[in-house]
Amino acid sequence: MKPNSKLITGLVSTALILFPGLALAQDGLNGANTSWILTSTALVLFMTLPGLSLFYAGLVRTKNVLSVLMQCFSIAVVISIVWLLVGYSIAFGPSESAWWGGLGKAFFSGVDAGAMSGDIPETVFAAFQMTFAIITPALIVGAFVERIKFCSMLAFTVLWALLVYFPVANWVWGGGWLGQMGLIDFAGGTVVHLTAGVAALVLALELGKRDGFLTASVVPHNLTMSFTGAAMLWVGWFGFNAGSALAADNAAGMALYVTHTSAAAGALTWMVLDWFKFGKASGLGAITGMVAGLATITPAAGSVGPMGGLLLGLIGGVICYFVTIYMKQRLKIDDSLDVFPVHGIGGLTGTLLAAILVSGGLGVFSGTGMPDGMTVGSQFVVQLIGVVTIGLYTGVLTWVIVKIVSAVMGLRIGADEEQVGLDITEHDEKGYSM
């Protein structure tokens, strides 16, 4: 039986009259772009659950593995709710303020089936950005593993997202003052990595060292688990960076390629440096260098070409390597899983170098070309302003939040509880049965 084309046309026309939002969505929607951002959203969430969770969990001692998994998982849970209630509105709301998005889209007001963000549904854009809001505080977990109260961690996460992450996302990506200045931050060198790194440093200093830090054997309990998580991070980062093009286009393709190249260069750099320093290339060093390369390319992924991506991975690998050693061995700061030296310094390095490598006059190292009206010098000044102001703002606000949570709830577990491990004392469970 052949379909009646006139009947179908009539039904479609009637539906569009009764539901005009469908017509708007149909007319403005780009299916290829929508499909890619849906995929990227899944990839970025995959970076946290399970990628980052396994990466971090393998690096702690057996008695704390479940606590790390719970911290990453619970952050995803609470941030998803806060994002729906007010987070999306603060970061990307309709406010004309250069400092925050306001509450015009609180509770996703106006974000219905017909709402569009460019040529993709606004719900898809909001979901994609939500995954960035999830992974950023989850990165901070690496600074306080094995010694923080679970309830205090959740309270800190919510307050930090409200007062730091959401406003900073608005400044850079939501039409705020740094975006208006022309700050280059394609996928989160400042918004994600610098904020997480600075917050991690503040928490590490406020919490103090773990019992046995630099005096006893505190080694990863399962590097196989960490390698698995690191591999998931590498793959998921394609959604993180290439998805930030918000389109299935040449920019997304280039962002994906330079992301991969920088990760490889960072890993290779760390292995070589370990080889010279210790006589052997370490697995832990390889995956740490990979993350350093990824963090460094993130702000510049939409601005550089393949050789620029290679250069960023090499430079980021070297700088992050020596800052990591300096912090642990000379400053004796127990940023347990190296969040500040890898993510903070990597994001900072990539953000500043983007001002240079974006230039179209660097031969094989050329990028996409300087923004209109900008020179390397003026762009570098904008990048520097972004790094300094976001770093200072994050540091001060994080310190204030830590003091409030510490005064109200307490922050660090007791010495006896730390000896037993957080799996038992905080969750009454074990990651392993034997």
Protein backbone atom coordinates (compact mmCIF):
# COMPACT_ATOMS: atom_id res chain seq x y z
CA MET A 1 0.00 0.00 0.00
CA LYS A 2 1.53 3.32 -1.13
CA PRO A 3 1.54 6.20 1.35
CA ASN A 4 -0.78 9.09 0.61
CA SER A 5 1.59 12.01 0.08
CA LYS A 6 -1.14 14.63 0.33
CA LEU A 7 -2.29 13.18 3.64
CA ILE A 8 1.25 13.17 5.04
CA THR A 9 1.86 16.75 3.90
CA GLY A 10 -1.40 17.81 5.50
CA LEU A 11 -0.55 16.16 8.81
CA VAL A 12 2.91 17.76 8.88
CA SER A 13 1.49 21.19 8.08
CA THR A 14 -1.13 20.84 10.80
CA ALA A 15 1.52 19.80 13.33
CA LEU A 16 3.67 22.82 12.48
CA ILE A 17 0.68 25.14 12.88
CA LEU A 18 -0.29 23.63 16.22
CA PHE A 19 3.33 23.48 17.45
CA PRO A 20 5.30 26.35 15.86
CA GLY A 21 8.35 25.51 17.96
CA LEU A 22 8.78 22.42 15.81
CA ALA A 23 9.02 24.58 12.70
CA LEU A 24 11.72 26.74 14.24
CA ALA A 25 13.73 23.73 15.32
CA GLN A 26 13.32 22.05 11.95
CA ASP A 27 14.34 25.16 10.00
CA GLY A 28 17.41 26.06 12.07
CA LEU A 29 18.73 22.66 13.15
CA ASN A 30 21.89 21.20 11.64
CA GLY A 31 21.70 17.44 12.00
CA ALA A 32 25.42 16.80 11.52
CA ASN A 33 26.44 19.37 14.12
CA THR A 34 23.80 18.15 16.55
CA SER A 35 24.97 14.56 16.17
CA TRP A 36 28.59 15.53 16.78
CA ILE A 37 27.84 17.55 19.92
CA LEU A 38 25.65 14.75 21.27
CA THR A 39 28.61 12.40 20.73
CA SER A 40 31.03 14.90 22.27
CA THR A 41 28.80 15.25 25.33
CA ALA A 42 28.98 11.50 25.89
CA LEU A 43 32.76 11.55 25.35
CA VAL A 44 33.37 14.31 27.91
CA LEU A 45 31.22 12.59 30.53
CA PHE A 46 33.15 9.41 29.69
CA MET A 47 36.31 11.31 30.64
CA THR A 48 35.02 11.67 34.21
CA LEU A 49 32.99 8.48 34.47
CA PRO A 50 34.94 6.24 34.19
CA GLY A 51 38.14 7.83 32.80
CA LEU A 52 39.25 10.23 35.52
CA SER A 53 37.73 8.04 38.23
CA LEU A 54 39.89 5.04 37.28
CA PHE A 55 42.95 7.19 36.58
CA TYR A 56 42.84 8.69 40.07
CA ALA A 57 41.67 5.55 41.88
CA GLY A 58 44.62 3.52 40.65
CA LEU A 59 47.05 6.11 41.99
CA VAL A 60 45.96 5.92 45.65
CA ARG A 61 46.45 3.16 48.22
CA THR A 62 44.12 0.17 48.39
CA LYS A 63 42.35 1.45 51.50
CA ASN A 64 41.20 4.59 49.68
CA VAL A 65 40.31 3.39 46.17
CA LEU A 66 36.54 3.31 46.71
CA SER A 67 36.55 6.78 48.26
CA VAL A 68 38.11 8.27 45.12
CA LEU A 69 35.57 6.54 42.89
CA MET A 70 32.77 7.82 45.13
CA GLN A 71 34.14 11.36 45.07
CA CYS A 72 34.25 11.53 41.27
CA PHE A 73 30.86 9.84 40.90
CA SER A 74 29.17 12.04 43.51
CA ILE A 75 30.57 15.22 41.98
CA ALA A 76 28.91 14.23 38.70
CA VAL A 77 25.65 13.70 40.57
CA VAL A 78 25.51 16.98 42.49
CA ILE A 79 26.86 19.21 39.73
CA SER A 80 24.28 17.83 37.30
CA ILE A 81 21.51 18.98 39.65
CA VAL A 82 23.07 22.36 40.44
CA TRP A 83 23.63 22.95 36.71
CA LEU A 84 19.93 22.41 36.04
CA LEU A 85 18.82 24.67 38.89
CA VAL A 86 21.11 27.68 38.46
CA GLY A 87 24.49 26.74 37.00
CA TYR A 88 23.58 26.96 33.33
CA SER A 89 21.88 30.29 33.86
CA ILE A 90 24.86 31.80 35.72
CA ALA A 91 27.28 30.63 33.03
CA PHE A 92 25.22 31.17 29.87
CA GLY A 93 22.14 33.13 30.91
CA PRO A 94 20.70 36.16 29.11
CA SER A 95 22.00 38.79 31.54
CA GLU A 96 23.67 41.81 29.95
CA SER A 97 26.19 41.88 32.79
CA ALA A 98 29.80 41.19 31.86
CA TRP A 99 30.28 39.31 35.13
CA TRP A 100 27.56 36.67 35.28
CA GLY A 101 24.63 35.33 33.29
CA GLY A 102 21.97 36.07 35.88
CA LEU A 103 19.07 33.81 36.81
CA GLY A 104 16.92 34.27 33.71
CA LYS A 105 17.42 30.63 32.75
CA ALA A 106 17.29 29.17 36.26
CA PHE A 107 15.49 25.81 36.31
CA PHE A 108 16.09 25.77 32.52
CA SER A 109 13.42 28.41 32.03
CA GLY A 110 12.86 28.80 28.30
CA VAL A 111 15.08 25.84 27.42
CA ASP A 112 12.35 23.80 25.77
CA ALA A 113 12.21 21.41 22.82
CA GLY A 114 12.21 24.26 20.30
CA ALA A 115 14.99 26.36 21.85
CA MET A 116 18.13 26.63 19.75
CA SER A 117 21.73 27.58 20.43
CA GLY A 118 23.09 28.44 17.03
CA ASP A 119 22.13 25.53 14.80
CA ILE A 120 21.92 22.88 17.55
CA PRO A 121 19.22 22.42 20.20
CA GLU A 122 19.91 24.44 23.33
CA THR A 123 19.41 21.31 25.41
CA VAL A 124 22.35 19.72 23.57
CA PHE A 125 24.55 22.78 24.10
CA ALA A 126 23.57 22.90 27.78
CA ALA A 127 24.31 19.19 28.25
CA PHE A 128 27.70 19.56 26.56
CA GLN A 129 28.66 22.47 28.80
CA MET A 130 27.38 20.58 31.84
CA THR A 131 30.02 17.90 31.31
CA PHE A 132 32.73 20.59 31.58
CA ALA A 133 31.17 21.79 34.82
CA ILE A 134 31.34 18.19 36.08
CA ILE A 135 34.92 17.35 35.21
CA THR A 136 36.44 20.61 36.51
CA PRO A 137 35.74 20.06 40.24
CA ALA A 138 36.40 16.35 39.69
CA LEU A 139 39.95 17.23 38.64
CA ILE A 140 40.46 18.88 42.04
CA VAL A 141 39.89 15.51 43.72
CA GLY A 142 43.50 14.63 42.93
CA ALA A 143 44.72 17.23 45.43
CA PHE A 144 42.84 15.99 48.49
CA VAL A 145 42.60 12.22 48.07
CA GLU A 146 43.04 10.03 51.17
CA ARG A 147 42.37 12.77 53.74
CA ILE A 148 39.13 14.72 53.25
CA LYS A 149 35.66 14.21 54.72
CA PHE A 150 33.12 13.09 52.14
CA CYS A 151 30.40 15.50 53.29
CA SER A 152 32.84 18.41 53.34
CA MET A 153 34.01 17.50 49.85
CA LEU A 154 30.45 17.72 48.55
CA ALA A 155 29.80 21.04 50.28
CA PHE A 156 33.03 22.47 48.90
CA THR A 157 32.19 21.24 45.39
CA VAL A 158 28.77 22.93 45.31
CA LEU A 159 30.04 26.24 46.71
CA TRP A 160 33.07 26.23 44.44
CA ALA A 161 30.97 25.60 41.34
CA LEU A 162 28.56 28.40 42.28
CA LEU A 163 31.20 30.99 43.17
CA VAL A 164 34.11 30.07 40.90
CA TYR A 165 33.37 27.81 37.94
CA PHE A 166 30.02 29.19 36.76
CA PRO A 167 31.08 32.88 36.88
CA VAL A 168 34.44 32.18 35.21
CA ALA A 169 32.73 30.18 32.45
CA ASN A 170 30.53 33.23 31.85
CA TRP A 171 33.53 35.57 31.72
CA VAL A 172 35.20 33.52 29.00
CA TRP A 173 32.47 31.66 27.08
CA GLY A 174 29.16 33.19 28.11
CA GLY A 175 29.63 36.69 26.71
CA GLY A 176 31.50 38.04 29.74
CA TRP A 177 34.29 40.55 29.96
CA LEU A 178 37.22 38.29 29.08
CA GLY A 179 35.43 36.93 26.05
CA GLN A 180 34.72 40.50 24.98
CA MET A 181 38.43 41.31 25.31
CA GLY A 182 39.24 38.48 22.93
CA LEU A 183 40.76 35.89 25.29
CA ILE A 184 41.68 32.74 23.38
CA ASP A 185 40.51 29.74 25.37
CA PHE A 186 39.04 27.23 22.99
CA ALA A 187 38.15 24.43 25.39
CA GLY A 188 39.13 25.37 28.93
CA GLY A 189 42.78 26.21 29.57
CA THR A 190 41.63 28.87 32.02
CA VAL A 191 38.00 27.90 32.68
CA VAL A 192 38.79 24.25 33.45
CA HIS A 193 42.47 23.57 34.00
CA LEU A 194 43.69 26.79 35.58
CA THR A 195 40.74 27.02 37.98
CA ALA A 196 41.05 23.35 38.96
CA GLY A 197 44.83 23.63 39.34
CA VAL A 198 44.76 26.74 41.51
CA ALA A 199 41.96 25.34 43.66
CA ALA A 200 43.95 22.12 44.05
CA LEU A 201 47.00 24.05 45.25
CA VAL A 202 44.96 25.96 47.83
CA LEU A 203 43.36 22.77 49.14
CA ALA A 204 46.68 20.94 49.30
CA LEU A 205 48.16 23.76 51.37
CA GLU A 206 45.13 24.05 53.66
CA LEU A 207 44.72 20.30 54.25
CA GLY A 208 48.39 19.61 54.79
CA LYS A 209 50.37 16.51 53.93
CA ARG A 210 49.11 12.95 54.06
CA ASP A 211 50.47 10.74 56.80
CA GLY A 212 53.72 9.29 55.48
CA PHE A 213 54.21 11.81 52.66
CA LEU A 214 57.89 11.65 51.63
CA THR A 215 58.72 9.56 54.72
CA ALA A 216 57.00 6.26 53.96
CA SER A 217 56.06 4.28 50.89
CA VAL A 218 52.99 5.97 49.40
CA VAL A 219 52.79 4.42 45.95
CA PRO A 220 49.96 3.76 43.47
CA HIS A 221 48.16 0.53 44.28
CA ASN A 222 47.09 -0.34 40.70
CA LEU A 223 48.81 1.28 37.74
CA THR A 224 46.87 -1.00 35.41
CA MET A 225 43.70 0.75 36.56
CA SER A 226 45.34 4.15 36.05
CA PHE A 227 46.49 3.22 32.55
CA THR A 228 42.94 2.19 31.70
CA GLY A 229 41.58 5.47 32.97
CA ALA A 230 44.30 7.42 31.16
CA ALA A 231 43.41 5.75 27.86
CA MET A 232 39.78 6.73 28.40
CA LEU A 233 40.85 10.30 29.11
CA TRP A 234 42.83 10.43 25.87
CA VAL A 235 39.86 9.25 23.81
CA GLY A 236 37.32 11.35 25.71
CA TRP A 237 39.44 14.47 25.21
CA PHE A 238 38.50 14.41 21.53
CA GLY A 239 34.98 15.35 22.61
CA PHE A 240 36.39 17.89 25.04
CA ASN A 241 38.43 19.77 22.43
CA ALA A 242 36.97 18.91 19.03
CA GLY A 243 33.46 19.21 20.44
CA SER A 244 34.22 22.78 21.49
CA ALA A 245 34.05 23.77 17.82
CA LEU A 246 30.29 23.24 18.28
CA ALA A 247 30.14 21.99 14.71
CA ALA A 248 31.17 19.01 12.59
CA ASP A 249 33.60 21.07 10.51
CA ASN A 250 37.25 21.68 9.66
CA ALA A 251 37.87 23.38 13.01
CA ALA A 252 36.70 20.26 14.85
CA GLY A 253 38.92 18.08 12.69
CA MET A 254 41.99 20.20 13.33
CA ALA A 255 41.23 20.41 17.06
CA LEU A 256 41.01 16.62 17.23
CA TYR A 257 44.29 16.15 15.38
CA VAL A 258 46.33 18.66 17.39
CA THR A 259 44.87 17.25 20.60
CA HIS A 260 46.10 13.79 19.72
CA THR A 261 49.52 15.07 18.66
CA SER A 262 50.02 17.10 21.83
CA ALA A 263 49.07 14.15 24.03
CA ALA A 264 51.59 11.94 22.27
CA ALA A 265 54.30 14.61 22.51
CA GLY A 266 53.63 15.15 26.21
CA ALA A 267 53.84 11.43 26.95
CA LEU A 268 57.05 11.03 24.94
CA THR A 269 58.65 14.04 26.63
CA TRP A 270 57.90 12.70 30.11
CA MET A 271 59.25 9.23 29.22
CA VAL A 272 62.49 10.69 27.87
CA LEU A 273 63.00 12.92 30.89
CA ASP A 274 62.39 9.97 33.23
CA TRP A 275 64.88 7.96 31.22
CA PHE A 276 67.58 10.60 31.67
CA LYS A 277 66.80 11.11 35.36
CA PHE A 278 66.18 7.53 36.52
CA GLY A 279 67.57 5.37 33.73
CA LYS A 280 64.14 3.97 32.84
CA ALA A 281 60.92 5.22 31.32
CA SER A 282 58.09 4.89 33.84
CA GLY A 283 54.49 4.01 33.06
CA LEU A 284 53.25 6.56 35.58
CA GLY A 285 55.37 9.20 33.89
CA ALA A 286 54.03 8.30 30.45
CA ILE A 287 50.38 8.72 31.41
CA THR A 288 51.10 11.85 33.45
CA GLY A 289 52.90 13.39 30.48
CA MET A 290 49.98 12.50 28.26
CA VAL A 291 47.62 14.44 30.53
CA ALA A 292 50.07 17.36 30.62
CA GLY A 293 50.07 17.44 26.82
CA LEU A 294 46.29 17.37 26.75
CA ALA A 295 45.95 20.16 29.30
CA THR A 296 48.44 22.33 27.42
CA ILE A 297 46.74 22.01 24.03
CA THR A 298 43.22 22.57 25.37
CA PRO A 299 43.09 26.40 25.24
CA ALA A 300 44.86 26.53 21.87
CA ALA A 301 43.19 23.61 20.10
CA GLY A 302 41.16 25.95 17.87
CA SER A 303 44.09 28.24 17.08
CA VAL A 304 47.11 26.11 16.15
CA GLY A 305 48.10 23.74 13.38
CA PRO A 306 49.64 20.24 13.64
CA MET A 307 53.20 21.41 14.29
CA GLY A 308 51.90 23.90 16.83
CA GLY A 309 50.17 21.04 18.61
CA LEU A 310 53.41 19.07 18.63
CA LEU A 311 55.32 22.04 20.04
CA LEU A 312 52.75 22.64 22.77
CA GLY A 313 52.91 19.01 23.85
CA LEU A 314 56.71 19.11 24.05
CA ILE A 315 56.84 22.42 25.93
CA GLY A 316 53.99 21.49 28.24
CA GLY A 317 55.59 18.14 28.99
CA VAL A 318 58.91 19.71 29.97
CA ILE A 319 57.46 22.53 32.09
CA CYS A 320 54.93 20.33 33.90
CA TYR A 321 57.59 17.68 34.57
CA PHE A 322 59.97 20.03 36.37
CA VAL A 323 57.23 21.91 38.23
CA THR A 324 55.93 18.56 39.51
CA ILE A 325 59.34 17.57 40.83
CA TYR A 326 59.96 21.02 42.33
CA MET A 327 56.65 21.08 44.19
CA LYS A 328 57.09 17.64 45.69
CA GLN A 329 60.80 17.50 46.42
CA ARG A 330 61.69 21.13 47.12
CA LEU A 331 58.47 22.76 48.33
CA LYS A 332 57.15 19.49 49.83
CA ILE A 333 53.56 20.32 48.91
CA ASP A 334 51.32 17.26 48.90
CA ASP A 335 49.20 17.96 45.84
CA SER A 336 48.72 14.23 45.87
CA LEU A 337 48.05 13.50 42.19
CA ASP A 338 49.78 16.57 40.74
CA VAL A 339 46.72 18.59 39.77
CA PHE A 340 48.37 22.01 39.94
CA PRO A 341 51.65 21.20 38.15
CA VAL A 342 49.90 19.20 35.41
CA HIS A 343 46.53 20.87 34.89
CA GLY A 344 47.16 24.34 36.32
CA ILE A 345 50.59 24.86 34.78
CA GLY A 346 49.62 23.04 31.58
CA GLY A 347 46.52 25.18 31.10
CA LEU A 348 48.47 28.36 31.89
CA THR A 349 51.26 27.45 29.46
CA GLY A 350 48.89 26.66 26.61
CA THR A 351 46.85 29.81 27.19
CA LEU A 352 49.89 32.08 27.00
CA LEU A 353 51.50 30.30 24.05
CA ALA A 354 48.23 30.47 22.10
CA ALA A 355 48.93 34.19 21.63
CA ILE A 356 52.09 33.32 19.69
CA LEU A 357 51.17 30.11 17.88
CA VAL A 358 47.88 31.51 16.56
CA SER A 359 49.97 33.66 14.20
CA GLY A 360 49.80 32.78 10.53
CA GLY A 361 53.38 33.81 9.85
CA LEU A 362 55.34 31.04 11.58
CA GLY A 363 55.92 28.70 8.67
CA VAL A 364 55.02 25.12 9.52
CA PHE A 365 54.18 26.24 13.05
CA SER A 366 51.53 28.72 11.84
CA GLY A 367 48.09 28.77 13.38
CA THR A 368 44.75 30.06 12.19
CA GLY A 369 45.90 33.69 12.04
CA MET A 370 45.72 36.57 14.49
CA PRO A 371 42.23 37.82 15.42
CA ASP A 372 41.24 41.06 13.72
CA GLY A 373 43.03 44.08 15.09
CA MET A 374 45.38 42.04 17.28
CA THR A 375 49.13 41.57 17.24
CA VAL A 376 51.13 38.91 19.04
CA GLY A 377 51.94 41.45 21.74
CA SER A 378 48.39 42.70 22.28
CA GLN A 379 47.00 39.17 22.23
CA PHE A 380 49.61 38.06 24.75
CA VAL A 381 48.54 40.90 27.07
CA VAL A 382 44.92 39.71 26.84
CA GLN A 383 46.00 36.13 27.58
CA LEU A 384 48.09 37.30 30.53
CA ILE A 385 45.20 39.33 31.94
CA GLY A 386 42.96 36.28 31.69
CA VAL A 387 45.45 33.98 33.41
CA VAL A 388 46.26 36.41 36.23
CA THR A 389 42.71 37.50 37.02
CA ILE A 390 41.22 34.00 36.85
CA GLY A 391 44.11 32.60 38.87
CA LEU A 392 43.81 35.24 41.59
CA TYR A 393 40.02 35.10 41.68
CA THR A 394 40.05 31.31 41.94
CA GLY A 395 42.72 31.30 44.62
CA VAL A 396 41.01 33.84 46.85
CA LEU A 397 37.50 32.41 46.49
CA THR A 398 38.75 28.85 47.00
CA TRP A 399 40.51 29.89 50.21
CA VAL A 400 37.35 31.58 51.48
CA ILE A 401 35.22 28.52 50.68
CA VAL A 402 37.73 26.19 52.35
CA LYS A 403 37.70 28.31 55.50
CA ILE A 404 33.89 28.36 55.61
CA VAL A 405 33.53 24.61 55.10
CA SER A 406 36.30 23.90 57.58
CA ALA A 407 34.69 26.10 60.24
CA VAL A 408 31.20 24.66 59.78
CA MET A 409 31.86 20.98 59.04
CA GLY A 410 35.53 20.32 59.43
CA LEU A 411 37.59 19.40 56.40
CA ARG A 412 40.19 16.78 57.18
CA ILE A 413 39.53 13.38 58.69
CA GLY A 414 41.23 12.41 61.96
CA ALA A 415 44.63 10.72 62.14
CA ASP A 416 43.13 7.38 63.19
CA GLU A 417 40.62 7.48 60.34
CA GLU A 418 43.36 8.30 57.87
CA GLN A 419 45.31 5.29 59.10
CA VAL A 420 42.34 2.98 58.54
CA GLY A 421 41.45 4.53 55.18
CA LEU A 422 38.48 6.43 53.79
CA ASP A 423 36.82 3.37 52.25
CA ILE A 424 35.90 2.10 55.71
CA THR A 425 35.65 5.31 57.71
CA GLU A 426 33.63 7.33 55.18
CA HIS A 427 31.65 4.64 53.34
CA ASP A 428 31.82 1.50 55.47
CA GLU A 429 32.80 -0.47 52.40
CA LYS A 430 35.94 -1.78 50.74
CA GLY A 431 37.10 -1.45 47.17
CA TYR A 432 38.53 -4.96 47.41
CA SER A 433 37.22 -7.88 49.43
CA MET A 434 40.60 -9.35 50.25
